[in-house]
């Protein structure tokens, strides 16, 4: 019980508030780096691969005229 009372007393001081702020910021940064960012990167990569596959299929179905074939006409 004395630990909790001491912690509450420490949390009301300026140094305690700064420690709580730094600790919570570090916790949010770490959670973002470990859990959220890899998931978003994977989602973005899958979306880019799907877009590239779509563009590749469109290009193979409808070949684009090159500039040399346009000049020869």
PDB file of N, CA and C in Angstrom:
ATOM      1  N   UNK A   1       0.811  -1.186   0.000  1.00  0.00           N
ATOM      2  CA  UNK A   1       0.000   0.000   0.000  1.00  0.00           C
ATOM      3  C   UNK A   1       0.857   1.253   0.000  1.00  0.00           C
ATOM      4  N   UNK A   2       2.004   1.189   0.667  1.00  0.00           N
ATOM      5  CA  UNK A   2       2.857   2.374   0.731  1.00  0.00           C
ATOM      6  C   UNK A   2       3.447   2.694  -0.648  1.00  0.00           C
ATOM      7  N   UNK A   3       3.631   1.647  -1.469  1.00  0.00           N
ATOM      8  CA  UNK A   3       4.150   1.888  -2.820  1.00  0.00           C
ATOM      9  C   UNK A   3       3.162   2.718  -3.636  1.00  0.00           C
ATOM     10  N   UNK A   4       1.893   2.401  -3.526  1.00  0.00           N
ATOM     11  CA  UNK A   4       0.865   3.134  -4.267  1.00  0.00           C
ATOM     12  C   UNK A   4       0.770   4.571  -3.778  1.00  0.00           C
ATOM     13  N   UNK A   5       0.842   4.770  -2.472  1.00  0.00           N
ATOM     14  CA  UNK A   5       0.816   6.133  -1.935  1.00  0.00           C
ATOM     15  C   UNK A   5       2.030   6.921  -2.402  1.00  0.00           C
ATOM     16  N   UNK A   6       3.180   6.284  -2.404  1.00  0.00           N
ATOM     17  CA  UNK A   6       4.398   6.942  -2.878  1.00  0.00           C
ATOM     18  C   UNK A   6       4.318   7.271  -4.363  1.00  0.00           C
ATOM     19  N   UNK A   7       3.731   6.371  -5.132  1.00  0.00           N
ATOM     20  CA  UNK A   7       3.592   6.610  -6.570  1.00  0.00           C
ATOM     21  C   UNK A   7       2.636   7.762  -6.838  1.00  0.00           C
ATOM     22  N   UNK A   8       1.540   7.816  -6.101  1.00  0.00           N
ATOM     23  CA  UNK A   8       0.595   8.926  -6.264  1.00  0.00           C
ATOM     24  C   UNK A   8       1.244  10.253  -5.896  1.00  0.00           C
ATOM     25  N   UNK A   9       2.070  10.249  -4.848  1.00  0.00           N
ATOM     26  CA  UNK A   9       2.758  11.463  -4.429  1.00  0.00           C
ATOM     27  C   UNK A   9       3.777  11.885  -5.497  1.00  0.00           C
ATOM     28  N   UNK A  10       4.487  10.882  -6.073  1.00  0.00           N
ATOM     29  CA  UNK A  10       5.469  11.165  -7.115  1.00  0.00           C
ATOM     30  C   UNK A  10       4.791  11.691  -8.380  1.00  0.00           C
ATOM     31  N   UNK A  11       3.610  11.184  -8.692  1.00  0.00           N
ATOM     32  CA  UNK A  11       2.907  11.562  -9.922  1.00  0.00           C
ATOM     33  C   UNK A  11       2.421  13.000  -9.887  1.00  0.00           C
ATOM     34  N   UNK A  12       2.306  13.578  -8.711  1.00  0.00           N
ATOM     35  CA  UNK A  12       1.822  14.956  -8.623  1.00  0.00           C
ATOM     36  C   UNK A  12       2.957  15.978  -8.702  1.00  0.00           C
ATOM     37  N   UNK A  13       4.204  15.527  -8.677  1.00  0.00           N
ATOM     38  CA  UNK A  13       5.331  16.460  -8.771  1.00  0.00           C
ATOM     39  C   UNK A  13       5.631  16.757 -10.242  1.00  0.00           C
ATOM     40  N   UNK A  14       6.400  17.790 -10.468  1.00  0.00           N
ATOM     41  CA  UNK A  14       6.764  18.173 -11.835  1.00  0.00           C
ATOM     42  C   UNK A  14       7.577  17.077 -12.511  1.00  0.00           C
ATOM     43  N   UNK A  15       8.539  16.532 -11.790  1.00  0.00           N
ATOM     44  CA  UNK A  15       9.365  15.453 -12.342  1.00  0.00           C
ATOM     45  C   UNK A  15       8.503  14.224 -12.628  1.00  0.00           C
ATOM     46  N   UNK A  16       7.559  13.940 -11.764  1.00  0.00           N
ATOM     47  CA  UNK A  16       6.670  12.805 -11.976  1.00  0.00           C
ATOM     48  C   UNK A  16       5.808  12.971 -13.208  1.00  0.00           C
ATOM     49  N   UNK A  17       5.266  14.159 -13.390  1.00  0.00           N
ATOM     50  CA  UNK A  17       4.458  14.415 -14.587  1.00  0.00           C
ATOM     51  C   UNK A  17       5.294  14.309 -15.856  1.00  0.00           C
ATOM     52  N   UNK A  18       6.534  14.804 -15.790  1.00  0.00           N
ATOM     53  CA  UNK A  18       7.415  14.686 -16.954  1.00  0.00           C
ATOM     54  C   UNK A  18       7.744  13.221 -17.228  1.00  0.00           C
ATOM     55  N   UNK A  19       7.969  12.440 -16.187  1.00  0.00           N
ATOM     56  CA  UNK A  19       8.263  11.015 -16.361  1.00  0.00           C
ATOM     57  C   UNK A  19       7.065  10.282 -16.954  1.00  0.00           C
ATOM     58  N   UNK A  20       5.878  10.611 -16.487  1.00  0.00           N
ATOM     59  CA  UNK A  20       4.668   9.990 -17.038  1.00  0.00           C
ATOM     60  C   UNK A  20       4.499  10.367 -18.507  1.00  0.00           C
ATOM     61  N   UNK A  21       4.751  11.619 -18.850  1.00  0.00           N
ATOM     62  CA  UNK A  21       4.652  12.062 -20.245  1.00  0.00           C
ATOM     63  C   UNK A  21       5.654  11.357 -21.136  1.00  0.00           C
ATOM     64  N   UNK A  22       6.903  11.279 -20.682  1.00  0.00           N
ATOM     65  CA  UNK A  22       7.923  10.590 -21.475  1.00  0.00           C
ATOM     66  C   UNK A  22       7.628   9.104 -21.597  1.00  0.00           C
ATOM     67  N   UNK A  23       7.176   8.506 -20.510  1.00  0.00           N
ATOM     68  CA  UNK A  23       6.861   7.076 -20.544  1.00  0.00           C
ATOM     69  C   UNK A  23       5.709   6.762 -21.474  1.00  0.00           C
ATOM     70  N   UNK A  24       4.672   7.578 -21.424  1.00  0.00           N
ATOM     71  CA  UNK A  24       3.530   7.316 -22.300  1.00  0.00           C
ATOM     72  C   UNK A  24       3.885   7.569 -23.761  1.00  0.00           C
ATOM     73  N   UNK A  25       4.720   8.574 -24.014  1.00  0.00           N
ATOM     74  CA  UNK A  25       5.162   8.820 -25.391  1.00  0.00           C
ATOM     75  C   UNK A  25       5.998   7.665 -25.909  1.00  0.00           C
ATOM     76  N   UNK A  26       6.902   7.165 -25.080  1.00  0.00           N
ATOM     77  CA  UNK A  26       7.728   6.020 -25.481  1.00  0.00           C
ATOM     78  C   UNK A  26       6.871   4.785 -25.715  1.00  0.00           C
ATOM     79  N   UNK A  27       5.862   4.596 -24.892  1.00  0.00           N
ATOM     80  CA  UNK A  27       4.973   3.448 -25.056  1.00  0.00           C
ATOM     81  C   UNK A  27       4.193   3.538 -26.369  1.00  0.00           C
ATOM     82  N   UNK A  28       3.647   4.695 -26.674  1.00  0.00           N
ATOM     83  CA  UNK A  28       2.914   4.878 -27.934  1.00  0.00           C
ATOM     84  C   UNK A  28       3.819   4.685 -29.144  1.00  0.00           C
ATOM     85  N   UNK A  29       5.029   5.214 -29.082  1.00  0.00           N
ATOM     86  CA  UNK A  29       5.982   5.072 -30.186  1.00  0.00           C
ATOM     87  C   UNK A  29       6.319   3.594 -30.411  1.00  0.00           C
ATOM     88  N   UNK A  30       6.566   2.870 -29.322  1.00  0.00           N
ATOM     89  CA  UNK A  30       6.933   1.463 -29.439  1.00  0.00           C
ATOM     90  C   UNK A  30       5.783   0.629 -29.981  1.00  0.00           C
ATOM     91  N   UNK A  31       4.585   0.870 -29.490  1.00  0.00           N
ATOM     92  CA  UNK A  31       3.420   0.130 -29.984  1.00  0.00           C
ATOM     93  C   UNK A  31       3.223   0.398 -31.471  1.00  0.00           C
ATOM     94  N   UNK A  32       3.406   1.650 -31.881  1.00  0.00           N
ATOM     95  CA  UNK A  32       3.265   1.989 -33.295  1.00  0.00           C
ATOM     96  C   UNK A  32       4.317   1.268 -34.137  1.00  0.00           C
ATOM     97  N   UNK A  33       5.568   1.269 -33.689  1.00  0.00           N
ATOM     98  CA  UNK A  33       6.643   0.647 -34.457  1.00  0.00           C
ATOM     99  C   UNK A  33       6.510  -0.869 -34.536  1.00  0.00           C
ATOM    100  N   UNK A  34       6.057  -1.499 -33.459  1.00  0.00           N
ATOM    101  CA  UNK A  34       6.036  -2.961 -33.413  1.00  0.00           C
ATOM    102  C   UNK A  34       4.764  -3.540 -34.011  1.00  0.00           C
ATOM    103  N   UNK A  35       3.615  -2.931 -33.748  1.00  0.00           N
ATOM    104  CA  UNK A  35       2.344  -3.535 -34.134  1.00  0.00           C
ATOM    105  C   UNK A  35       1.656  -2.855 -35.314  1.00  0.00           C
ATOM    106  N   UNK A  36       1.563  -1.546 -35.296  1.00  0.00           N
ATOM    107  CA  UNK A  36       0.732  -0.849 -36.276  1.00  0.00           C
ATOM    108  C   UNK A  36       1.469  -0.660 -37.605  1.00  0.00           C
ATOM    109  N   UNK A  37       2.693  -0.189 -37.572  1.00  0.00           N
ATOM    110  CA  UNK A  37       3.423   0.130 -38.799  1.00  0.00           C
ATOM    111  C   UNK A  37       3.639  -1.094 -39.705  1.00  0.00           C
ATOM    112  N   UNK A  38       4.036  -2.269 -39.184  1.00  0.00           N
ATOM    113  CA  UNK A  38       4.173  -3.430 -40.082  1.00  0.00           C
ATOM    114  C   UNK A  38       2.863  -3.821 -40.764  1.00  0.00           C
ATOM    115  N   UNK A  39       1.758  -3.711 -40.037  1.00  0.00           N
ATOM    116  CA  UNK A  39       0.455  -4.042 -40.635  1.00  0.00           C
ATOM    117  C   UNK A  39       0.118  -3.064 -41.763  1.00  0.00           C
ATOM    118  N   UNK A  40       0.355  -1.777 -41.543  1.00  0.00           N
ATOM    119  CA  UNK A  40       0.067  -0.787 -42.578  1.00  0.00           C
ATOM    120  C   UNK A  40       0.987  -0.955 -43.784  1.00  0.00           C
ATOM    121  N   UNK A  41       2.265  -1.280 -43.542  1.00  0.00           N
ATOM    122  CA  UNK A  41       3.196  -1.503 -44.651  1.00  0.00           C
ATOM    123  C   UNK A  41       2.773  -2.701 -45.489  1.00  0.00           C
ATOM    124  N   UNK A  42       2.351  -3.784 -44.825  1.00  0.00           N
ATOM    125  CA  UNK A  42       1.907  -4.963 -45.555  1.00  0.00           C
ATOM    126  C   UNK A  42       0.657  -4.650 -46.377  1.00  0.00           C
ATOM    127  N   UNK A  43      -0.267  -3.921 -45.794  1.00  0.00           N
ATOM    128  CA  UNK A  43      -1.499  -3.555 -46.502  1.00  0.00           C
ATOM    129  C   UNK A  43      -1.183  -2.682 -47.718  1.00  0.00           C
ATOM    130  N   UNK A  44      -0.285  -1.708 -47.547  1.00  0.00           N
ATOM    131  CA  UNK A  44       0.109  -0.823 -48.641  1.00  0.00           C
ATOM    132  C   UNK A  44       0.823  -1.609 -49.751  1.00  0.00           C
ATOM    133  N   UNK A  45       1.675  -2.563 -49.365  1.00  0.00           N
ATOM    134  CA  UNK A  45       2.392  -3.371 -50.351  1.00  0.00           C
ATOM    135  C   UNK A  45       1.428  -4.241 -51.154  1.00  0.00           C
ATOM    136  N   UNK A  46       0.466  -4.855 -50.480  1.00  0.00           N
ATOM    137  CA  UNK A  46      -0.512  -5.689 -51.183  1.00  0.00           C
ATOM    138  C   UNK A  46      -1.357  -4.861 -52.140  1.00  0.00           C
ATOM    139  N   UNK A  47      -1.711  -3.660 -51.731  1.00  0.00           N
ATOM    140  CA  UNK A  47      -2.496  -2.783 -52.593  1.00  0.00           C
ATOM    141  C   UNK A  47      -1.680  -2.361 -53.817  1.00  0.00           C
ATOM    142  N   UNK A  48      -0.398  -2.072 -53.620  1.00  0.00           N
ATOM    143  CA  UNK A  48       0.453  -1.696 -54.743  1.00  0.00           C
ATOM    144  C   UNK A  48       0.662  -2.867 -55.699  1.00  0.00           C
ATOM    145  N   UNK A  49       0.795  -4.073 -55.154  1.00  0.00           N
ATOM    146  CA  UNK A  49       0.944  -5.250 -56.019  1.00  0.00           C
ATOM    147  C   UNK A  49      -0.317  -5.492 -56.833  1.00  0.00           C
ATOM    148  N   UNK A  50      -1.471  -5.303 -56.232  1.00  0.00           N
ATOM    149  CA  UNK A  50      -2.732  -5.491 -56.960  1.00  0.00           C
ATOM    150  C   UNK A  50      -2.866  -4.450 -58.068  1.00  0.00           C
ATOM    151  N   UNK A  51      -2.479  -3.223 -57.783  1.00  0.00           N
ATOM    152  CA  UNK A  51      -2.538  -2.162 -58.795  1.00  0.00           C
ATOM    153  C   UNK A  51      -1.565  -2.458 -59.939  1.00  0.00           C
ATOM    154  N   UNK A  52      -0.365  -2.904 -59.604  1.00  0.00           N
ATOM    155  CA  UNK A  52       0.621  -3.230 -60.637  1.00  0.00           C
ATOM    156  C   UNK A  52       0.153  -4.399 -61.494  1.00  0.00           C
ATOM    157  N   UNK A  53      -0.460  -5.393 -60.863  1.00  0.00           N
ATOM    158  CA  UNK A  53      -0.984  -6.540 -61.613  1.00  0.00           C
ATOM    159  C   UNK A  53      -2.099  -6.097 -62.561  1.00  0.00           C
ATOM    160  N   UNK A  54      -2.963  -5.220 -62.103  1.00  0.00           N
ATOM    161  CA  UNK A  54      -4.039  -4.702 -62.944  1.00  0.00           C
ATOM    162  C   UNK A  54      -3.474  -3.943 -64.138  1.00  0.00           C
ATOM    163  N   UNK A  55      -2.491  -3.075 -63.883  1.00  0.00           N
ATOM    164  CA  UNK A  55      -1.887  -2.315 -64.978  1.00  0.00           C
ATOM    165  C   UNK A  55      -1.175  -3.239 -65.963  1.00  0.00           C
ATOM    166  N   UNK A  56      -0.507  -4.275 -65.448  1.00  0.00           N
ATOM    167  CA  UNK A  56       0.173  -5.219 -66.329  1.00  0.00           C
ATOM    168  C   UNK A  56      -0.827  -5.956 -67.211  1.00  0.00           C
ATOM    169  N   UNK A  57      -1.956  -6.358 -66.634  1.00  0.00           N
ATOM    170  CA  UNK A  57      -2.977  -7.043 -67.436  1.00  0.00           C
ATOM    171  C   UNK A  57      -3.573  -6.111 -68.477  1.00  0.00           C
ATOM    172  N   UNK A  58      -3.817  -4.866 -68.123  1.00  0.00           N
ATOM    173  CA  UNK A  58      -4.367  -3.906 -69.081  1.00  0.00           C
ATOM    174  C   UNK A  58      -3.390  -3.655 -70.222  1.00  0.00           C
ATOM    175  N   UNK A  59      -2.120  -3.569 -69.886  1.00  0.00           N
ATOM    176  CA  UNK A  59      -1.113  -3.313 -70.916  1.00  0.00           C
ATOM    177  C   UNK A  59      -0.944  -4.509 -71.839  1.00  0.00           C
ATOM    178  N   UNK A  60      -1.035  -5.723 -71.297  1.00  0.00           N
ATOM    179  CA  UNK A  60      -0.874  -6.902 -72.145  1.00  0.00           C
ATOM    180  C   UNK A  60      -2.098  -7.116 -73.032  1.00  0.00           C
ATOM    181  N   UNK A  61      -3.277  -6.656 -72.610  1.00  0.00           N
ATOM    182  CA  UNK A  61      -4.472  -6.798 -73.433  1.00  0.00           C
ATOM    183  C   UNK A  61      -4.518  -5.742 -74.533  1.00  0.00           C
ATOM    184  N   UNK A  62      -4.074  -4.550 -74.244  1.00  0.00           N
ATOM    185  CA  UNK A  62      -4.104  -3.442 -75.194  1.00  0.00           C
ATOM    186  C   UNK A  62      -2.703  -2.856 -75.311  1.00  0.00           C
ATOM    187  N   UNK A  63      -1.903  -3.384 -76.240  1.00  0.00           N
ATOM    188  CA  UNK A  63      -0.537  -2.858 -76.351  1.00  0.00           C
ATOM    189  C   UNK A  63      -0.553  -1.386 -76.776  1.00  0.00           C
ATOM    190  N   UNK A  64       0.300  -0.621 -76.178  1.00  0.00           N
ATOM    191  CA  UNK A  64       0.389   0.805 -76.449  1.00  0.00           C
ATOM    192  C   UNK A  64       1.280   1.013 -77.673  1.00  0.00           C
ATOM    193  N   UNK A  65       0.861   1.896 -78.574  1.00  0.00           N
ATOM    194  CA  UNK A  65       1.652   2.186 -79.767  1.00  0.00           C
ATOM    195  C   UNK A  65       2.925   2.919 -79.361  1.00  0.00           C
ATOM    196  N   UNK A  66       4.040   2.497 -79.914  1.00  0.00           N
ATOM    197  CA  UNK A  66       5.306   3.156 -79.602  1.00  0.00           C
ATOM    198  C   UNK A  66       5.489   4.377 -80.480  1.00  0.00           C
ATOM    199  N   UNK A  67       6.376   5.251 -80.121  1.00  0.00           N
ATOM    200  CA  UNK A  67       6.575   6.473 -80.876  1.00  0.00           C
ATOM    201  C   UNK A  67       7.174   6.196 -82.263  1.00  0.00           C
ATOM    202  N   UNK A  68       7.954   5.118 -82.435  1.00  0.00           N
ATOM    203  CA  UNK A  68       8.532   4.800 -83.738  1.00  0.00           C
ATOM    204  C   UNK A  68       7.452   4.337 -84.721  1.00  0.00           C
ATOM    205  N   UNK A  69       6.437   3.623 -84.235  1.00  0.00           N
ATOM    206  CA  UNK A  69       5.379   3.173 -85.141  1.00  0.00           C
ATOM    207  C   UNK A  69       4.476   4.346 -85.532  1.00  0.00           C
ATOM    208  N   UNK A  70       4.361   5.324 -84.693  1.00  0.00           N
ATOM    209  CA  UNK A  70       3.546   6.496 -85.017  1.00  0.00           C
ATOM    210  C   UNK A  70       4.269   7.332 -86.081  1.00  0.00           C
ATOM    211  N   UNK A  71       5.570   7.450 -85.988  1.00  0.00           N
ATOM    212  CA  UNK A  71       6.342   8.240 -86.968  1.00  0.00           C
ATOM    213  C   UNK A  71       6.348   7.589 -88.334  1.00  0.00           C
ATOM    214  N   UNK A  72       6.342   6.253 -88.387  1.00  0.00           N
ATOM    215  CA  UNK A  72       6.413   5.563 -89.674  1.00  0.00           C
ATOM    216  C   UNK A  72       5.113   5.690 -90.456  1.00  0.00           C
ATOM    217  N   UNK A  73       4.034   6.005 -89.801  1.00  0.00           N
ATOM    218  CA  UNK A  73       2.748   6.138 -90.499  1.00  0.00           C
ATOM    219  C   UNK A  73       2.702   7.460 -91.128  1.00  0.00           C
TER     220      UNK A  73
END
